[in-house]
Amino acid sequence: MRWQGRRTSTNVEDARGRRVTRGRSAGLGAIVNLVVRMFGVKGIMALVVLGFLGWQFGLIDPMALLGGSQVQQVDHQSSPERTDQLEFVKVVLADTEDIWSREFARVDREYRKPALVVFQERYPTACGMGDARTGPFYCPADQKIYIDLGFYDALARQFQAPGDFAQAYVIAHETGHHVQELLGFSARVRERRGQADYKQYSVRLELQADFLAGVWAHHNRRYLDHGDIEEALRAANQIGDDAIQQRTQGRVNPHAFTHGTSEQRMRWFKRGLESGRIEEGDTFRIPYESL
């Protein structure tokens, strides 16, 4: 992918110099003591239920409550490799800004650009404590994308999907989740939380994000080199639910899928690549068995 010397986004925040430390949470203890004195054991049970519901709906971060986490500024020295990766991320995000601004205008909508936060290890978000071990993610509550650049090492070594366009695909997929938030698809899935078909709705959302990543690639072809599309498809193949389950558990359990199979993820990315149009990727209108 040809990215050097191109426009970079101003919506990237480098938070790698900030570290999360965990202290004691006096506030939580005070709340528990007050509930015990006023309501006894039943009050504690009610507090647990409310806390669980708050966690399910993304309103409460249990780690923050238990640990009293704080963010502290520390000295950070970026390696030349990480500095290049940060610039690369800025270029890819700028690409998504340009492409989605045009596509939204085409369908008479306004595109609100997301911010992208580069962090290390753990970082507080409006969706709870972000952890690098979960990989890059999008938080709809603050409309920000979060990524630890160390994920690119895992993408190349653990998932065997090296290459700059594979890395770009990851950002394009998370930006796809932002597009879904703006178009109302994410809210539709959140409404199914706790329902029997919630995981199926989650798969629909993830496959649509892959389609949207393909739409981005369609409009970005002039910057692609030979083999770039294959890099993205290799990444999609390696992070399918079936591939990850087989690699980590030695077996595949379709009932536990949340992102779709490798074949589905590659197929929906290719659909977006061929189409280049937002409206042709509505995964919610298709029978689940046909995805």
Foldseek 3Di string as FASTA:
>chain_A
DFQPPDDFAPQEAEAAQKDKDFAAAPPLVVVVVVQCVPPNPVSVVVVVVVQVVCLLLLNDAVRCRGGVIDIDGHDDDDDPVVVVVVRLVRRLLVLVVVLVCVQQVVVPHGDDRAHEYAYPAWDQDSSYIDGQVVAWAADLVRRYTYGHVCVQVCLCPVLVQHDSLLVSLVVQLRVLLSVCSVVVLVVVLSVCRPPLCSLLSLQLSQLLSLLSSLLSCLVVVVNDDPCSLVSNLSSLQSPAQQNVCCVPPVGHDVSPGRHHHSVSSSVSSVNSNVPSHSVVSNSVVDPSVVD
